[in-house]
PDB file of N, CA and C in Angstrom:
ATOM      1  N   MET A   1     -22.548 -24.078   7.075  1.00  0.00           N
ATOM      2  CA  MET A   1     -22.286 -25.321   7.223  1.00  0.00           C
ATOM      3  C   MET A   1     -21.044 -25.448   6.057  1.00  0.00           C
ATOM      4  N   THR A   2     -19.757 -26.276   6.902  1.00  0.00           N
ATOM      5  CA  THR A   2     -18.463 -26.173   6.222  1.00  0.00           C
ATOM      6  C   THR A   2     -17.977 -27.730   6.434  1.00  0.00           C
ATOM      7  N   THR A   3     -17.214 -27.778   5.080  1.00  0.00           N
ATOM      8  CA  THR A   3     -16.642 -28.592   4.893  1.00  0.00           C
ATOM      9  C   THR A   3     -14.770 -28.592   5.202  1.00  0.00           C
ATOM     10  N   SER A   4     -14.532 -29.994   5.298  1.00  0.00           N
ATOM     11  CA  SER A   4     -12.995 -29.987   5.847  1.00  0.00           C
ATOM     12  C   SER A   4     -12.651 -31.160   4.318  1.00  0.00           C
ATOM     13  N   THR A   5     -11.506 -30.364   4.303  1.00  0.00           N
ATOM     14  CA  THR A   5     -10.985 -30.833   2.839  1.00  0.00           C
ATOM     15  C   THR A   5      -9.484 -31.137   2.860  1.00  0.00           C
ATOM     16  N   GLU A   6      -9.366 -31.352   4.258  1.00  0.00           N
ATOM     17  CA  GLU A   6      -8.166 -32.016   4.818  1.00  0.00           C
ATOM     18  C   GLU A   6      -7.267 -33.351   4.275  1.00  0.00           C
ATOM     19  N   GLY A   7      -8.139 -34.398   3.962  1.00  0.00           N
ATOM     20  CA  GLY A   7      -7.701 -34.969   3.329  1.00  0.00           C
ATOM     21  C   GLY A   7      -7.122 -35.418   2.008  1.00  0.00           C
ATOM     22  N   ALA A   8      -8.112 -34.465   1.590  1.00  0.00           N
ATOM     23  CA  ALA A   8      -7.789 -33.838  -0.322  1.00  0.00           C
ATOM     24  C   ALA A   8      -6.948 -33.203  -0.563  1.00  0.00           C
ATOM     25  N   ARG A   9      -5.705 -33.987  -1.710  1.00  0.00           N
ATOM     26  CA  ARG A   9      -5.151 -32.868  -2.480  1.00  0.00           C
ATOM     27  C   ARG A   9      -5.118 -33.127  -3.628  1.00  0.00           C
ATOM     28  N   THR A  10      -4.551 -31.056  -3.708  1.00  0.00           N
ATOM     29  CA  THR A  10      -5.325 -30.806  -4.849  1.00  0.00           C
ATOM     30  C   THR A  10      -3.533 -30.259  -6.045  1.00  0.00           C
ATOM     31  N   ALA A  11      -4.082 -30.177  -6.996  1.00  0.00           N
ATOM     32  CA  ALA A  11      -2.976 -30.477  -7.755  1.00  0.00           C
ATOM     33  C   ALA A  11      -2.611 -29.047  -8.145  1.00  0.00           C
ATOM     34  N   VAL A  12      -0.926 -29.137  -7.828  1.00  0.00           N
ATOM     35  CA  VAL A  12      -0.806 -27.391  -7.829  1.00  0.00           C
ATOM     36  C   VAL A  12      -0.796 -26.795  -9.019  1.00  0.00           C
ATOM     37  N   PRO A  13      -1.686 -25.610  -9.210  1.00  0.00           N
ATOM     38  CA  PRO A  13      -0.971 -25.129 -10.814  1.00  0.00           C
ATOM     39  C   PRO A  13       0.176 -25.078 -11.230  1.00  0.00           C
ATOM     40  N   LEU A  14       0.775 -25.367 -12.381  1.00  0.00           N
ATOM     41  CA  LEU A  14       2.556 -25.149 -12.742  1.00  0.00           C
ATOM     42  C   LEU A  14       1.973 -23.998 -13.911  1.00  0.00           C
ATOM     43  N   ASP A  15       0.637 -23.801 -14.561  1.00  0.00           N
ATOM     44  CA  ASP A  15       1.087 -22.759 -15.412  1.00  0.00           C
ATOM     45  C   ASP A  15       2.070 -21.742 -15.462  1.00  0.00           C
ATOM     46  N   GLY A  16       1.395 -20.950 -13.710  1.00  0.00           N
ATOM     47  CA  GLY A  16       2.713 -19.619 -13.553  1.00  0.00           C
ATOM     48  C   GLY A  16       3.829 -19.784 -13.816  1.00  0.00           C
ATOM     49  N   PRO A  17       4.347 -21.034 -12.591  1.00  0.00           N
ATOM     50  CA  PRO A  17       5.871 -21.009 -12.368  1.00  0.00           C
ATOM     51  C   PRO A  17       6.452 -21.554 -13.856  1.00  0.00           C
ATOM     52  N   LEU A  18       5.910 -22.160 -14.806  1.00  0.00           N
ATOM     53  CA  LEU A  18       6.447 -22.797 -15.391  1.00  0.00           C
ATOM     54  C   LEU A  18       6.295 -21.439 -16.631  1.00  0.00           C
ATOM     55  N   VAL A  19       5.244 -21.100 -16.871  1.00  0.00           N
ATOM     56  CA  VAL A  19       5.642 -19.066 -17.786  1.00  0.00           C
ATOM     57  C   VAL A  19       6.458 -18.794 -16.982  1.00  0.00           C
ATOM     58  N   ARG A  20       6.948 -18.529 -15.887  1.00  0.00           N
ATOM     59  CA  ARG A  20       8.299 -17.989 -15.741  1.00  0.00           C
ATOM     60  C   ARG A  20       9.586 -18.805 -15.288  1.00  0.00           C
ATOM     61  N   PHE A  21       9.176 -20.106 -15.593  1.00  0.00           N
ATOM     62  CA  PHE A  21      10.985 -20.287 -15.788  1.00  0.00           C
ATOM     63  C   PHE A  21      11.159 -20.533 -17.359  1.00  0.00           C
ATOM     64  N   ARG A  22      10.240 -20.737 -17.966  1.00  0.00           N
ATOM     65  CA  ARG A  22      10.211 -20.077 -19.728  1.00  0.00           C
ATOM     66  C   ARG A  22      11.293 -18.906 -19.950  1.00  0.00           C
ATOM     67  N   THR A  23      10.749 -17.890 -18.987  1.00  0.00           N
ATOM     68  CA  THR A  23      11.076 -17.000 -19.701  1.00  0.00           C
ATOM     69  C   THR A  23      12.396 -16.718 -19.024  1.00  0.00           C
ATOM     70  N   ALA A  24      12.753 -17.055 -18.107  1.00  0.00           N
ATOM     71  CA  ALA A  24      13.850 -17.069 -17.045  1.00  0.00           C
ATOM     72  C   ALA A  24      15.050 -17.563 -18.201  1.00  0.00           C
ATOM     73  N   ALA A  25      14.317 -19.285 -18.735  1.00  0.00           N
ATOM     74  CA  ALA A  25      15.505 -19.902 -19.691  1.00  0.00           C
ATOM     75  C   ALA A  25      15.702 -18.919 -20.689  1.00  0.00           C
ATOM     76  N   TYR A  26      15.143 -18.792 -21.205  1.00  0.00           N
ATOM     77  CA  TYR A  26      15.382 -18.063 -22.617  1.00  0.00           C
ATOM     78  C   TYR A  26      16.311 -16.782 -22.668  1.00  0.00           C
ATOM     79  N   VAL A  27      15.793 -15.747 -21.450  1.00  0.00           N
ATOM     80  CA  VAL A  27      16.174 -14.951 -21.203  1.00  0.00           C
ATOM     81  C   VAL A  27      18.506 -14.877 -20.646  1.00  0.00           C
ATOM     82  N   THR A  28      18.339 -15.914 -20.174  1.00  0.00           N
ATOM     83  CA  THR A  28      19.155 -16.373 -19.698  1.00  0.00           C
ATOM     84  C   THR A  28      20.437 -16.994 -20.765  1.00  0.00           C
ATOM     85  N   GLY A  29      19.851 -18.165 -21.616  1.00  0.00           N
ATOM     86  CA  GLY A  29      20.418 -18.174 -22.932  1.00  0.00           C
ATOM     87  C   GLY A  29      20.726 -16.816 -23.388  1.00  0.00           C
ATOM     88  N   VAL A  30      20.081 -16.679 -24.243  1.00  0.00           N
ATOM     89  CA  VAL A  30      20.632 -15.144 -24.564  1.00  0.00           C
ATOM     90  C   VAL A  30      21.642 -14.505 -24.001  1.00  0.00           C
ATOM     91  N   GLY A  31      21.028 -14.418 -22.660  1.00  0.00           N
ATOM     92  CA  GLY A  31      22.402 -13.323 -22.221  1.00  0.00           C
ATOM     93  C   GLY A  31      23.326 -14.111 -21.947  1.00  0.00           C
ATOM     94  N   LEU A  32      23.463 -15.217 -21.548  1.00  0.00           N
ATOM     95  CA  LEU A  32      24.969 -16.131 -22.077  1.00  0.00           C
ATOM     96  C   LEU A  32      26.066 -16.114 -23.347  1.00  0.00           C
ATOM     97  N   LEU A  33      24.872 -15.666 -24.623  1.00  0.00           N
ATOM     98  CA  LEU A  33      25.610 -16.179 -25.714  1.00  0.00           C
ATOM     99  C   LEU A  33      26.162 -14.565 -26.010  1.00  0.00           C
ATOM    100  N   GLY A  34      25.066 -13.554 -25.207  1.00  0.00           N
ATOM    101  CA  GLY A  34      25.543 -12.136 -24.933  1.00  0.00           C
ATOM    102  C   GLY A  34      27.229 -11.968 -23.518  1.00  0.00           C
ATOM    103  N   LEU A  35      27.067 -13.195 -23.542  1.00  0.00           N
ATOM    104  CA  LEU A  35      28.275 -12.679 -22.277  1.00  0.00           C
ATOM    105  C   LEU A  35      29.574 -13.470 -22.803  1.00  0.00           C
ATOM    106  N   CYS A  36      29.104 -14.191 -23.824  1.00  0.00           N
ATOM    107  CA  CYS A  36      29.917 -14.832 -24.806  1.00  0.00           C
ATOM    108  C   CYS A  36      30.838 -14.351 -25.521  1.00  0.00           C
ATOM    109  N   PHE A  37      30.052 -12.961 -26.079  1.00  0.00           N
ATOM    110  CA  PHE A  37      30.086 -12.391 -26.887  1.00  0.00           C
ATOM    111  C   PHE A  37      31.193 -10.872 -26.195  1.00  0.00           C
ATOM    112  N   VAL A  38      30.920 -10.268 -25.156  1.00  0.00           N
ATOM    113  CA  VAL A  38      32.054  -9.051 -24.860  1.00  0.00           C
ATOM    114  C   VAL A  38      33.385 -10.397 -23.957  1.00  0.00           C
ATOM    115  N   MET A  39      33.160 -11.441 -24.204  1.00  0.00           N
ATOM    116  CA  MET A  39      34.346 -12.311 -23.706  1.00  0.00           C
ATOM    117  C   MET A  39      35.184 -12.264 -24.805  1.00  0.00           C
ATOM    118  N   VAL A  40      34.834 -12.233 -25.944  1.00  0.00           N
ATOM    119  CA  VAL A  40      35.631 -12.593 -27.704  1.00  0.00           C
ATOM    120  C   VAL A  40      36.432 -10.851 -27.332  1.00  0.00           C
ATOM    121  N   LEU A  41      34.886 -10.062 -27.069  1.00  0.00           N
ATOM    122  CA  LEU A  41      36.265  -8.470 -27.105  1.00  0.00           C
ATOM    123  C   LEU A  41      36.809  -8.512 -25.885  1.00  0.00           C
ATOM    124  N   ARG A  42      36.901  -9.090 -24.784  1.00  0.00           N
ATOM    125  CA  ARG A  42      37.771  -8.600 -23.541  1.00  0.00           C
ATOM    126  C   ARG A  42      38.996  -9.298 -23.895  1.00  0.00           C
ATOM    127  N   TYR A  43      39.146 -10.717 -24.225  1.00  0.00           N
ATOM    128  CA  TYR A  43      40.428 -11.630 -24.442  1.00  0.00           C
ATOM    129  C   TYR A  43      40.677 -11.447 -25.884  1.00  0.00           C
ATOM    130  N   GLY A  44      39.606 -11.169 -26.826  1.00  0.00           N
ATOM    131  CA  GLY A  44      40.363 -11.468 -28.866  1.00  0.00           C
ATOM    132  C   GLY A  44      40.363  -9.788 -28.804  1.00  0.00           C
ATOM    133  N   PHE A  45      40.076  -8.819 -28.996  1.00  0.00           N
ATOM    134  CA  PHE A  45      40.498  -7.399 -28.933  1.00  0.00           C
ATOM    135  C   PHE A  45      40.553  -6.803 -27.662  1.00  0.00           C
ATOM    136  N   ASP A  46      41.001  -7.477 -26.768  1.00  0.00           N
ATOM    137  CA  ASP A  46      41.326  -6.354 -25.114  1.00  0.00           C
ATOM    138  C   ASP A  46      40.755  -5.058 -25.174  1.00  0.00           C
ATOM    139  N   ASN A  47      39.207  -5.085 -24.913  1.00  0.00           N
ATOM    140  CA  ASN A  47      38.821  -4.558 -24.216  1.00  0.00           C
ATOM    141  C   ASN A  47      37.761  -4.683 -23.758  1.00  0.00           C
ATOM    142  N   PRO A  48      38.334  -4.256 -22.319  1.00  0.00           N
ATOM    143  CA  PRO A  48      37.139  -5.220 -21.179  1.00  0.00           C
ATOM    144  C   PRO A  48      36.203  -4.196 -20.713  1.00  0.00           C
ATOM    145  N   THR A  49      35.709  -3.022 -21.593  1.00  0.00           N
ATOM    146  CA  THR A  49      34.837  -2.266 -21.406  1.00  0.00           C
ATOM    147  C   THR A  49      33.457  -2.880 -21.215  1.00  0.00           C
ATOM    148  N   PRO A  50      33.158  -3.251 -22.387  1.00  0.00           N
ATOM    149  CA  PRO A  50      32.008  -4.241 -22.216  1.00  0.00           C
ATOM    150  C   PRO A  50      31.520  -5.384 -21.530  1.00  0.00           C
ATOM    151  N   SER A  51      32.923  -5.819 -21.137  1.00  0.00           N
ATOM    152  CA  SER A  51      32.665  -7.364 -20.128  1.00  0.00           C
ATOM    153  C   SER A  51      32.403  -6.955 -18.343  1.00  0.00           C
ATOM    154  N   ALA A  52      33.179  -5.376 -18.325  1.00  0.00           N
ATOM    155  CA  ALA A  52      32.621  -5.081 -17.306  1.00  0.00           C
ATOM    156  C   ALA A  52      31.406  -4.508 -16.739  1.00  0.00           C
ATOM    157  N   VAL A  53      31.033  -3.678 -17.966  1.00  0.00           N
ATOM    158  CA  VAL A  53      29.185  -3.523 -17.946  1.00  0.00           C
ATOM    159  C   VAL A  53      28.572  -4.878 -17.752  1.00  0.00           C
ATOM    160  N   TYR A  54      28.797  -5.918 -18.551  1.00  0.00           N
ATOM    161  CA  TYR A  54      27.873  -7.250 -19.141  1.00  0.00           C
ATOM    162  C   TYR A  54      28.023  -8.059 -17.978  1.00  0.00           C
ATOM    163  N   SER A  55      29.071  -8.344 -17.430  1.00  0.00           N
ATOM    164  CA  SER A  55      28.720  -9.602 -16.507  1.00  0.00           C
ATOM    165  C   SER A  55      28.408  -9.238 -15.464  1.00  0.00           C
ATOM    166  N   PRO A  56      28.187  -8.320 -14.805  1.00  0.00           N
ATOM    167  CA  PRO A  56      27.286  -8.358 -13.354  1.00  0.00           C
ATOM    168  C   PRO A  56      26.035  -7.749 -13.685  1.00  0.00           C
ATOM    169  N   ILE A  57      25.536  -8.077 -14.900  1.00  0.00           N
ATOM    170  CA  ILE A  57      24.002  -8.267 -15.528  1.00  0.00           C
ATOM    171  C   ILE A  57      23.675  -9.522 -15.660  1.00  0.00           C
ATOM    172  N   HIS A  58      24.435  -9.747 -15.997  1.00  0.00           N
ATOM    173  CA  HIS A  58      24.383 -11.268 -16.659  1.00  0.00           C
ATOM    174  C   HIS A  58      24.233 -12.096 -15.261  1.00  0.00           C
ATOM    175  N   GLY A  59      25.372 -11.955 -14.264  1.00  0.00           N
ATOM    176  CA  GLY A  59      25.201 -12.687 -12.742  1.00  0.00           C
ATOM    177  C   GLY A  59      23.662 -12.476 -12.185  1.00  0.00           C
ATOM    178  N   VAL A  60      23.255 -11.636 -12.452  1.00  0.00           N
ATOM    179  CA  VAL A  60      21.870 -10.584 -11.963  1.00  0.00           C
ATOM    180  C   VAL A  60      20.813 -11.796 -12.561  1.00  0.00           C
ATOM    181  N   LEU A  61      20.610 -11.912 -13.867  1.00  0.00           N
ATOM    182  CA  LEU A  61      20.201 -13.052 -14.441  1.00  0.00           C
ATOM    183  C   LEU A  61      20.020 -14.343 -14.041  1.00  0.00           C
ATOM    184  N   TYR A  62      21.060 -14.667 -14.527  1.00  0.00           N
ATOM    185  CA  TYR A  62      21.485 -16.130 -13.797  1.00  0.00           C
ATOM    186  C   TYR A  62      20.892 -16.041 -12.261  1.00  0.00           C
ATOM    187  N   MET A  63      21.124 -15.502 -11.566  1.00  0.00           N
ATOM    188  CA  MET A  63      19.984 -15.911  -9.946  1.00  0.00           C
ATOM    189  C   MET A  63      18.844 -16.005 -10.149  1.00  0.00           C
ATOM    190  N   ILE A  64      18.125 -14.985 -11.367  1.00  0.00           N
ATOM    191  CA  ILE A  64      16.666 -14.534 -11.209  1.00  0.00           C
ATOM    192  C   ILE A  64      16.266 -16.550 -12.318  1.00  0.00           C
ATOM    193  N   TYR A  65      17.046 -16.728 -12.898  1.00  0.00           N
ATOM    194  CA  TYR A  65      17.311 -18.215 -13.048  1.00  0.00           C
ATOM    195  C   TYR A  65      17.259 -19.352 -12.385  1.00  0.00           C
ATOM    196  N   LEU A  66      17.634 -19.009 -11.356  1.00  0.00           N
ATOM    197  CA  LEU A  66      18.089 -20.140 -10.160  1.00  0.00           C
ATOM    198  C   LEU A  66      16.557 -20.082  -9.394  1.00  0.00           C
ATOM    199  N   VAL A  67      16.781 -18.887  -8.689  1.00  0.00           N
ATOM    200  CA  VAL A  67      15.359 -19.038  -8.099  1.00  0.00           C
ATOM    201  C   VAL A  67      14.134 -19.362  -8.592  1.00  0.00           C
ATOM    202  N   LEU A  68      13.604 -19.135  -9.709  1.00  0.00           N
ATOM    203  CA  LEU A  68      12.796 -19.720 -10.944  1.00  0.00           C
ATOM    204  C   LEU A  68      13.058 -20.767 -10.817  1.00  0.00           C
ATOM    205  N   THR A  69      14.475 -21.844 -11.424  1.00  0.00           N
ATOM    206  CA  THR A  69      13.554 -22.964 -11.331  1.00  0.00           C
ATOM    207  C   THR A  69      13.734 -23.604 -10.472  1.00  0.00           C
ATOM    208  N   ILE A  70      14.202 -22.929  -9.429  1.00  0.00           N
ATOM    209  CA  ILE A  70      14.094 -23.704  -7.781  1.00  0.00           C
ATOM    210  C   ILE A  70      12.070 -23.849  -7.793  1.00  0.00           C
ATOM    211  N   ASP A  71      12.005 -23.002  -7.658  1.00  0.00           N
ATOM    212  CA  ASP A  71      10.113 -22.346  -7.940  1.00  0.00           C
ATOM    213  C   ASP A  71       9.905 -23.952  -8.167  1.00  0.00           C
ATOM    214  N   LEU A  72       9.487 -23.882  -9.660  1.00  0.00           N
ATOM    215  CA  LEU A  72       9.159 -24.994 -10.444  1.00  0.00           C
ATOM    216  C   LEU A  72       9.838 -26.165 -10.126  1.00  0.00           C
ATOM    217  N   ALA A  73      11.184 -26.365  -9.123  1.00  0.00           N
ATOM    218  CA  ALA A  73      11.297 -27.783  -9.265  1.00  0.00           C
ATOM    219  C   ALA A  73      10.655 -27.864  -7.605  1.00  0.00           C
ATOM    220  N   ILE A  74      10.175 -27.127  -6.721  1.00  0.00           N
ATOM    221  CA  ILE A  74       9.579 -27.657  -5.950  1.00  0.00           C
ATOM    222  C   ILE A  74       7.587 -27.945  -5.925  1.00  0.00           C
ATOM    223  N   LYS A  75       7.643 -27.236  -6.708  1.00  0.00           N
ATOM    224  CA  LYS A  75       5.947 -27.234  -7.345  1.00  0.00           C
ATOM    225  C   LYS A  75       6.131 -28.531  -7.964  1.00  0.00           C
ATOM    226  N   ALA A  76       7.297 -29.086  -8.799  1.00  0.00           N
ATOM    227  CA  ALA A  76       5.982 -29.871  -9.407  1.00  0.00           C
ATOM    228  C   ALA A  76       7.234 -30.868  -8.939  1.00  0.00           C
ATOM    229  N   ARG A  77       7.764 -31.168  -8.585  1.00  0.00           N
ATOM    230  CA  ARG A  77       7.799 -32.250  -7.037  1.00  0.00           C
ATOM    231  C   ARG A  77       9.153 -32.928  -8.055  1.00  0.00           C
ATOM    232  N   TRP A  78       9.937 -32.346  -8.640  1.00  0.00           N
ATOM    233  CA  TRP A  78      11.279 -32.707  -9.314  1.00  0.00           C
ATOM    234  C   TRP A  78      12.424 -33.376  -8.115  1.00  0.00           C
ATOM    235  N   SER A  79      13.092 -34.185  -8.509  1.00  0.00           N
ATOM    236  CA  SER A  79      14.270 -34.865  -7.586  1.00  0.00           C
ATOM    237  C   SER A  79      14.861 -33.654  -7.436  1.00  0.00           C
ATOM    238  N   ILE A  80      16.285 -33.877  -6.516  1.00  0.00           N
ATOM    239  CA  ILE A  80      17.448 -33.243  -6.502  1.00  0.00           C
ATOM    240  C   ILE A  80      17.926 -32.962  -7.935  1.00  0.00           C
ATOM    241  N   LYS A  81      18.685 -34.543  -8.412  1.00  0.00           N
ATOM    242  CA  LYS A  81      19.712 -34.405  -9.499  1.00  0.00           C
ATOM    243  C   LYS A  81      18.795 -33.610 -10.722  1.00  0.00           C
ATOM    244  N   GLY A  82      17.870 -33.755 -11.266  1.00  0.00           N
ATOM    245  CA  GLY A  82      17.136 -33.096 -12.012  1.00  0.00           C
ATOM    246  C   GLY A  82      16.847 -31.822 -12.109  1.00  0.00           C
ATOM    247  N   THR A  83      16.367 -31.577 -10.733  1.00  0.00           N
ATOM    248  CA  THR A  83      16.741 -30.032 -10.324  1.00  0.00           C
ATOM    249  C   THR A  83      18.357 -29.191 -10.853  1.00  0.00           C
ATOM    250  N   VAL A  84      19.668 -29.784  -9.852  1.00  0.00           N
ATOM    251  CA  VAL A  84      20.692 -29.214 -10.389  1.00  0.00           C
ATOM    252  C   VAL A  84      21.233 -29.530 -11.697  1.00  0.00           C
ATOM    253  N   LEU A  85      20.757 -30.145 -12.448  1.00  0.00           N
ATOM    254  CA  LEU A  85      21.101 -30.303 -14.207  1.00  0.00           C
ATOM    255  C   LEU A  85      20.399 -29.288 -14.318  1.00  0.00           C
ATOM    256  N   VAL A  86      19.193 -29.328 -14.401  1.00  0.00           N
ATOM    257  CA  VAL A  86      18.280 -27.881 -15.108  1.00  0.00           C
ATOM    258  C   VAL A  86      19.236 -26.307 -14.850  1.00  0.00           C
ATOM    259  N   LEU A  87      19.559 -26.941 -13.376  1.00  0.00           N
ATOM    260  CA  LEU A  87      19.842 -25.256 -12.720  1.00  0.00           C
ATOM    261  C   LEU A  87      21.763 -25.154 -13.825  1.00  0.00           C
ATOM    262  N   LEU A  88      22.562 -26.135 -13.702  1.00  0.00           N
ATOM    263  CA  LEU A  88      23.584 -26.126 -14.581  1.00  0.00           C
ATOM    264  C   LEU A  88      23.511 -25.745 -16.101  1.00  0.00           C
ATOM    265  N   ALA A  89      22.000 -26.097 -16.536  1.00  0.00           N
ATOM    266  CA  ALA A  89      22.307 -25.873 -18.162  1.00  0.00           C
ATOM    267  C   ALA A  89      21.663 -24.088 -18.281  1.00  0.00           C
ATOM    268  N   GLY A  90      22.052 -23.545 -17.222  1.00  0.00           N
ATOM    269  CA  GLY A  90      21.954 -22.200 -17.501  1.00  0.00           C
ATOM    270  C   GLY A  90      23.357 -21.888 -17.737  1.00  0.00           C
ATOM    271  N   CYS A  91      24.493 -22.446 -17.689  1.00  0.00           N
ATOM    272  CA  CYS A  91      25.853 -22.594 -17.673  1.00  0.00           C
ATOM    273  C   CYS A  91      26.579 -22.523 -19.277  1.00  0.00           C
ATOM    274  N   VAL A  92      25.971 -23.133 -19.439  1.00  0.00           N
ATOM    275  CA  VAL A  92      26.256 -24.033 -21.022  1.00  0.00           C
ATOM    276  C   VAL A  92      25.543 -23.190 -22.433  1.00  0.00           C
ATOM    277  N   PRO A  93      26.651 -22.219 -23.515  1.00  0.00           N
ATOM    278  CA  PRO A  93      25.339 -21.577 -24.602  1.00  0.00           C
ATOM    279  C   PRO A  93      24.474 -22.830 -24.758  1.00  0.00           C
ATOM    280  N   PHE A  94      23.911 -22.458 -25.292  1.00  0.00           N
ATOM    281  CA  PHE A  94      22.276 -22.936 -26.174  1.00  0.00           C
ATOM    282  C   PHE A  94      21.576 -24.474 -25.209  1.00  0.00           C
ATOM    283  N   VAL A  95      22.528 -24.432 -24.378  1.00  0.00           N
ATOM    284  CA  VAL A  95      21.759 -25.554 -23.894  1.00  0.00           C
ATOM    285  C   VAL A  95      20.727 -25.552 -22.757  1.00  0.00           C
ATOM    286  N   SER A  96      20.438 -24.025 -22.780  1.00  0.00           N
ATOM    287  CA  SER A  96      19.171 -23.737 -21.597  1.00  0.00           C
ATOM    288  C   SER A  96      17.990 -23.648 -22.845  1.00  0.00           C
ATOM    289  N   PHE A  97      17.991 -23.277 -23.913  1.00  0.00           N
ATOM    290  CA  PHE A  97      17.213 -23.599 -24.683  1.00  0.00           C
ATOM    291  C   PHE A  97      16.980 -25.124 -25.064  1.00  0.00           C
ATOM    292  N   LEU A  98      17.731 -26.091 -25.414  1.00  0.00           N
ATOM    293  CA  LEU A  98      17.063 -27.322 -24.925  1.00  0.00           C
ATOM    294  C   LEU A  98      16.311 -28.095 -24.171  1.00  0.00           C
ATOM    295  N   VAL A  99      17.055 -27.304 -22.744  1.00  0.00           N
ATOM    296  CA  VAL A  99      16.818 -27.851 -21.626  1.00  0.00           C
ATOM    297  C   VAL A  99      15.019 -27.537 -21.022  1.00  0.00           C
ATOM    298  N   GLU A 100      14.962 -26.143 -21.309  1.00  0.00           N
ATOM    299  CA  GLU A 100      13.723 -25.135 -21.719  1.00  0.00           C
ATOM    300  C   GLU A 100      12.808 -25.815 -21.884  1.00  0.00           C
ATOM    301  N   ARG A 101      12.716 -26.437 -23.623  1.00  0.00           N
ATOM    302  CA  ARG A 101      11.893 -27.143 -24.439  1.00  0.00           C
ATOM    303  C   ARG A 101      11.341 -28.430 -23.477  1.00  0.00           C
ATOM    304  N   ARG A 102      12.207 -29.430 -22.823  1.00  0.00           N
ATOM    305  CA  ARG A 102      12.135 -30.720 -22.521  1.00  0.00           C
ATOM    306  C   ARG A 102      11.475 -30.935 -21.238  1.00  0.00           C
ATOM    307  N   VAL A 103      11.815 -29.406 -20.716  1.00  0.00           N
ATOM    308  CA  VAL A 103      11.383 -29.627 -19.017  1.00  0.00           C
ATOM    309  C   VAL A 103       9.783 -28.858 -19.473  1.00  0.00           C
ATOM    310  N   THR A 104       9.744 -28.299 -20.417  1.00  0.00           N
ATOM    311  CA  THR A 104       8.043 -27.932 -20.832  1.00  0.00           C
ATOM    312  C   THR A 104       7.372 -28.802 -21.311  1.00  0.00           C
ATOM    313  N   HIS A 105       7.472 -29.446 -21.550  1.00  0.00           N
ATOM    314  CA  HIS A 105       7.191 -30.894 -22.604  1.00  0.00           C
ATOM    315  C   HIS A 105       6.790 -31.729 -20.960  1.00  0.00           C
ATOM    316  N   LYS A 106       7.822 -32.205 -20.243  1.00  0.00           N
ATOM    317  CA  LYS A 106       7.718 -33.009 -19.167  1.00  0.00           C
ATOM    318  C   LYS A 106       6.523 -32.618 -18.301  1.00  0.00           C
ATOM    319  N   VAL A 107       6.705 -30.857 -17.922  1.00  0.00           N
ATOM    320  CA  VAL A 107       5.752 -30.819 -16.785  1.00  0.00           C
ATOM    321  C   VAL A 107       3.919 -30.912 -17.682  1.00  0.00           C
ATOM    322  N   LYS A 108       4.000 -30.842 -18.850  1.00  0.00           N
ATOM    323  CA  LYS A 108       2.338 -30.327 -19.340  1.00  0.00           C
ATOM    324  C   LYS A 108       2.384 -31.938 -19.447  1.00  0.00           C
ATOM    325  N   ALA A 109       3.195 -32.414 -19.833  1.00  0.00           N
ATOM    326  CA  ALA A 109       2.785 -33.622 -19.173  1.00  0.00           C
ATOM    327  C   ALA A 109       2.654 -34.439 -17.996  1.00  0.00           C
ATOM    328  N   GLY A 110       2.578 -33.822 -16.825  1.00  0.00           N
ATOM    329  CA  GLY A 110       3.024 -33.827 -15.519  1.00  0.00           C
ATOM    330  C   GLY A 110       3.851 -35.183 -14.785  1.00  0.00           C
ATOM    331  N   GLN A 111       4.810 -35.105 -15.998  1.00  0.00           N
ATOM    332  CA  GLN A 111       6.417 -36.222 -15.633  1.00  0.00           C
ATOM    333  C   GLN A 111       7.121 -35.623 -14.540  1.00  0.00           C
ATOM    334  N   LYS A 112       7.716 -36.289 -13.798  1.00  0.00           N
ATOM    335  CA  LYS A 112       8.924 -35.374 -13.263  1.00  0.00           C
ATOM    336  C   LYS A 112      10.184 -35.785 -13.672  1.00  0.00           C
ATOM    337  N   LEU A 113      10.650 -34.497 -13.267  1.00  0.00           N
ATOM    338  CA  LEU A 113      11.890 -34.599 -14.192  1.00  0.00           C
ATOM    339  C   LEU A 113      13.229 -35.607 -13.262  1.00  0.00           C
TER     340      LEU A 113
END
């Protein structure tokens, strides 16, 4: 005997996407601070080598952050405005740390962004 569950909606577990987002937000925040450091070396001390090496690495880390944020946003059904704001949080030093905490609390509470 088989049963049909077409009409029943089950909640999507958000533990995996949330852990991936939190990791990416932390790595992006630290990476952005590293980028600020190499920019000081580049423009303050006229040493472009660290920036030439590190900038592409930071770019890849930020792209991973974007993908994992969109993954969580789709699964948690965030608004477009909330999603864009969280995506932009990875562009400002220290903001990704603050937004990561806020997003974590909201997702764990089952609230939408």
